[in-house]
Amino acid sequence: MSEYTFKTNINCGSCIKSVTPFLNALDNVEMWKVDTENPAKILSVELDDTNVEAVLNAVKKAGYSIELNETEE
């Protein structure tokens, strides 16, 4: 399992509610959460593969902006 973080504009409970069906529909997503307290509105996703493109497309389809968080660890 791999964990990825993304910068988004998902900034409130209503936003989370509207993106939920899109992320829950993805077969490769094990768990996801949005940190709305973080200024970058970080979406953390655990995937059972490395298909981050599916997550990017799902969030964009829900109407939100998203980019892979390229921070170094």
N, C-alpha and C. Protein backbone atom coordinates (compact mmCIF):
# COMPACT_ATOMS: atom_id res chain seq x y z
N MET A 1 0.85 -1.18 0.00
CA MET A 1 0.00 0.00 0.00
C MET A 1 0.89 1.24 0.00
N SER A 2 0.49 2.24 -0.76
CA SER A 2 1.26 3.48 -0.87
C SER A 2 0.39 4.65 -0.45
N GLU A 3 1.03 5.60 0.26
CA GLU A 3 0.29 6.80 0.65
C GLU A 3 0.80 7.99 -0.15
N TYR A 4 -0.14 8.78 -0.65
CA TYR A 4 0.17 9.97 -1.42
C TYR A 4 -0.56 11.15 -0.82
N THR A 5 0.03 12.33 -0.96
CA THR A 5 -0.65 13.55 -0.52
C THR A 5 -0.79 14.49 -1.71
N PHE A 6 -1.88 15.24 -1.69
CA PHE A 6 -2.20 16.15 -2.77
C PHE A 6 -2.61 17.50 -2.20
N LYS A 7 -2.25 18.56 -2.88
CA LYS A 7 -2.74 19.90 -2.53
C LYS A 7 -4.05 20.08 -3.29
N THR A 8 -5.09 20.55 -2.58
CA THR A 8 -6.41 20.71 -3.20
C THR A 8 -7.04 22.03 -2.79
N ASN A 9 -8.24 22.27 -3.28
CA ASN A 9 -9.05 23.40 -2.78
C ASN A 9 -10.34 22.87 -2.13
N ILE A 10 -10.27 21.66 -1.59
CA ILE A 10 -11.38 21.06 -0.84
C ILE A 10 -11.29 21.65 0.58
N ASN A 11 -12.13 22.65 0.86
CA ASN A 11 -11.87 23.43 2.08
C ASN A 11 -12.96 23.40 3.15
N CYS A 12 -13.99 22.57 2.99
CA CYS A 12 -15.03 22.54 4.03
C CYS A 12 -15.77 21.20 4.00
N GLY A 13 -16.64 21.02 4.95
CA GLY A 13 -17.40 19.78 5.04
C GLY A 13 -18.27 19.53 3.82
N SER A 14 -18.86 20.58 3.26
CA SER A 14 -19.69 20.42 2.06
C SER A 14 -18.84 19.99 0.87
N CYS A 15 -17.62 20.52 0.79
CA CYS A 15 -16.71 20.14 -0.29
C CYS A 15 -16.34 18.66 -0.15
N ILE A 16 -16.06 18.25 1.07
CA ILE A 16 -15.72 16.84 1.31
C ILE A 16 -16.90 15.95 0.94
N LYS A 17 -18.09 16.39 1.31
CA LYS A 17 -19.29 15.62 0.98
C LYS A 17 -19.47 15.47 -0.53
N SER A 18 -19.17 16.51 -1.30
CA SER A 18 -19.37 16.42 -2.74
C SER A 18 -18.28 15.62 -3.44
N VAL A 19 -17.09 15.53 -2.87
CA VAL A 19 -16.02 14.74 -3.50
C VAL A 19 -16.07 13.27 -3.07
N THR A 20 -16.75 12.99 -1.96
CA THR A 20 -16.80 11.63 -1.41
C THR A 20 -17.23 10.56 -2.42
N PRO A 21 -18.34 10.73 -3.15
CA PRO A 21 -18.74 9.65 -4.07
C PRO A 21 -17.70 9.38 -5.16
N PHE A 22 -16.98 10.41 -5.57
CA PHE A 22 -15.97 10.25 -6.62
C PHE A 22 -14.77 9.44 -6.11
N LEU A 23 -14.31 9.75 -4.89
CA LEU A 23 -13.18 9.01 -4.34
C LEU A 23 -13.57 7.62 -3.88
N ASN A 24 -14.77 7.48 -3.32
CA ASN A 24 -15.22 6.17 -2.86
C ASN A 24 -15.46 5.21 -4.02
N ALA A 25 -15.68 5.73 -5.22
CA ALA A 25 -15.93 4.89 -6.39
C ALA A 25 -14.64 4.27 -6.95
N LEU A 26 -13.49 4.75 -6.51
CA LEU A 26 -12.22 4.23 -7.02
C LEU A 26 -11.86 2.92 -6.34
N ASP A 27 -11.59 1.90 -7.13
CA ASP A 27 -11.26 0.58 -6.58
C ASP A 27 -9.90 0.53 -5.89
N ASN A 28 -8.98 1.39 -6.31
CA ASN A 28 -7.62 1.33 -5.75
C ASN A 28 -7.44 2.15 -4.48
N VAL A 29 -8.47 2.88 -4.04
CA VAL A 29 -8.36 3.71 -2.83
C VAL A 29 -8.78 2.90 -1.61
N GLU A 30 -7.85 2.76 -0.67
CA GLU A 30 -8.13 2.05 0.58
C GLU A 30 -8.70 3.00 1.63
N MET A 31 -8.13 4.22 1.70
CA MET A 31 -8.54 5.20 2.70
C MET A 31 -8.17 6.58 2.18
N TRP A 32 -8.97 7.58 2.54
CA TRP A 32 -8.63 8.96 2.19
C TRP A 32 -9.17 9.90 3.24
N LYS A 33 -8.52 11.06 3.36
CA LYS A 33 -8.99 12.10 4.28
C LYS A 33 -8.44 13.44 3.81
N VAL A 34 -9.14 14.50 4.16
CA VAL A 34 -8.73 15.86 3.80
C VAL A 34 -8.46 16.64 5.08
N ASP A 35 -7.30 17.28 5.14
CA ASP A 35 -6.95 18.15 6.26
C ASP A 35 -7.33 19.58 5.88
N THR A 36 -8.56 19.96 6.23
CA THR A 36 -9.03 21.30 5.87
C THR A 36 -8.40 22.39 6.74
N GLU A 37 -7.73 22.02 7.82
CA GLU A 37 -7.04 22.99 8.68
C GLU A 37 -5.72 23.43 8.04
N ASN A 38 -5.14 22.58 7.22
CA ASN A 38 -3.89 22.89 6.53
C ASN A 38 -4.17 23.91 5.44
N PRO A 39 -3.34 24.96 5.31
CA PRO A 39 -3.58 25.97 4.27
C PRO A 39 -3.61 25.38 2.85
N ALA A 40 -2.89 24.28 2.63
CA ALA A 40 -2.86 23.65 1.31
C ALA A 40 -3.99 22.63 1.12
N LYS A 41 -4.87 22.48 2.14
CA LYS A 41 -6.02 21.56 2.06
C LYS A 41 -5.56 20.18 1.57
N ILE A 42 -4.70 19.56 2.36
CA ILE A 42 -4.03 18.32 1.96
C ILE A 42 -4.99 17.13 1.97
N LEU A 43 -5.05 16.47 0.84
CA LEU A 43 -5.78 15.21 0.69
C LEU A 43 -4.76 14.09 0.80
N SER A 44 -4.93 13.22 1.79
CA SER A 44 -4.07 12.05 1.96
C SER A 44 -4.83 10.83 1.48
N VAL A 45 -4.18 10.02 0.66
CA VAL A 45 -4.84 8.86 0.07
C VAL A 45 -3.93 7.64 0.19
N GLU A 46 -4.48 6.52 0.65
CA GLU A 46 -3.77 5.25 0.64
C GLU A 46 -4.28 4.45 -0.54
N LEU A 47 -3.35 4.08 -1.43
CA LEU A 47 -3.70 3.32 -2.62
C LEU A 47 -3.13 1.92 -2.54
N ASP A 48 -3.83 0.97 -3.14
CA ASP A 48 -3.29 -0.38 -3.20
C ASP A 48 -2.50 -0.59 -4.49
N ASP A 49 -2.27 0.48 -5.24
CA ASP A 49 -1.40 0.47 -6.41
C ASP A 49 -0.74 1.84 -6.52
N THR A 50 -0.21 2.20 -7.67
CA THR A 50 0.44 3.50 -7.82
C THR A 50 -0.29 4.39 -8.81
N ASN A 51 -1.57 4.13 -9.03
CA ASN A 51 -2.35 4.88 -10.02
C ASN A 51 -2.89 6.18 -9.43
N VAL A 52 -1.99 7.16 -9.25
CA VAL A 52 -2.42 8.46 -8.70
C VAL A 52 -3.27 9.23 -9.71
N GLU A 53 -3.13 8.90 -10.98
CA GLU A 53 -3.90 9.56 -12.03
C GLU A 53 -5.41 9.39 -11.80
N ALA A 54 -5.82 8.23 -11.30
CA ALA A 54 -7.24 7.99 -11.01
C ALA A 54 -7.75 8.96 -9.95
N VAL A 55 -6.94 9.21 -8.93
CA VAL A 55 -7.32 10.16 -7.87
C VAL A 55 -7.40 11.58 -8.43
N LEU A 56 -6.39 11.95 -9.21
CA LEU A 56 -6.39 13.29 -9.82
C LEU A 56 -7.64 13.50 -10.67
N ASN A 57 -7.97 12.52 -11.49
CA ASN A 57 -9.14 12.62 -12.37
C ASN A 57 -10.44 12.67 -11.58
N ALA A 58 -10.55 11.87 -10.53
CA ALA A 58 -11.78 11.83 -9.72
C ALA A 58 -12.05 13.17 -9.05
N VAL A 59 -11.02 13.77 -8.47
CA VAL A 59 -11.19 15.05 -7.79
C VAL A 59 -11.50 16.16 -8.79
N LYS A 60 -10.84 16.13 -9.94
CA LYS A 60 -11.13 17.13 -10.98
C LYS A 60 -12.56 16.97 -11.50
N LYS A 61 -13.00 15.72 -11.65
CA LYS A 61 -14.36 15.46 -12.12
C LYS A 61 -15.38 15.98 -11.11
N ALA A 62 -15.02 15.96 -9.82
CA ALA A 62 -15.90 16.49 -8.78
C ALA A 62 -15.92 18.02 -8.77
N GLY A 63 -15.01 18.64 -9.53
CA GLY A 63 -15.01 20.09 -9.65
C GLY A 63 -13.98 20.81 -8.80
N TYR A 64 -12.97 20.10 -8.32
CA TYR A 64 -11.96 20.70 -7.46
C TYR A 64 -10.59 20.64 -8.11
N SER A 65 -9.72 21.54 -7.69
CA SER A 65 -8.35 21.51 -8.20
C SER A 65 -7.53 20.58 -7.31
N ILE A 66 -6.53 19.96 -7.93
CA ILE A 66 -5.69 19.00 -7.20
C ILE A 66 -4.35 18.90 -7.90
N GLU A 67 -3.31 18.78 -7.09
CA GLU A 67 -1.98 18.50 -7.64
C GLU A 67 -1.22 17.63 -6.65
N LEU A 68 -0.41 16.76 -7.18
CA LEU A 68 0.39 15.87 -6.34
C LEU A 68 1.34 16.71 -5.51
N ASN A 69 1.42 16.42 -4.23
CA ASN A 69 2.29 17.14 -3.32
C ASN A 69 3.70 16.59 -3.49
N GLU A 70 4.60 17.41 -3.99
CA GLU A 70 5.96 16.94 -4.31
C GLU A 70 6.96 17.22 -3.20
N THR A 71 6.51 17.29 -1.96
CA THR A 71 7.44 17.59 -0.86
C THR A 71 8.40 16.43 -0.66
N GLU A 72 9.62 16.76 -0.30
CA GLU A 72 10.62 15.73 -0.04
C GLU A 72 10.50 15.27 1.40
N GLU A 73 10.76 13.99 1.59
CA GLU A 73 10.66 13.43 2.94
C GLU A 73 12.03 13.24 3.53
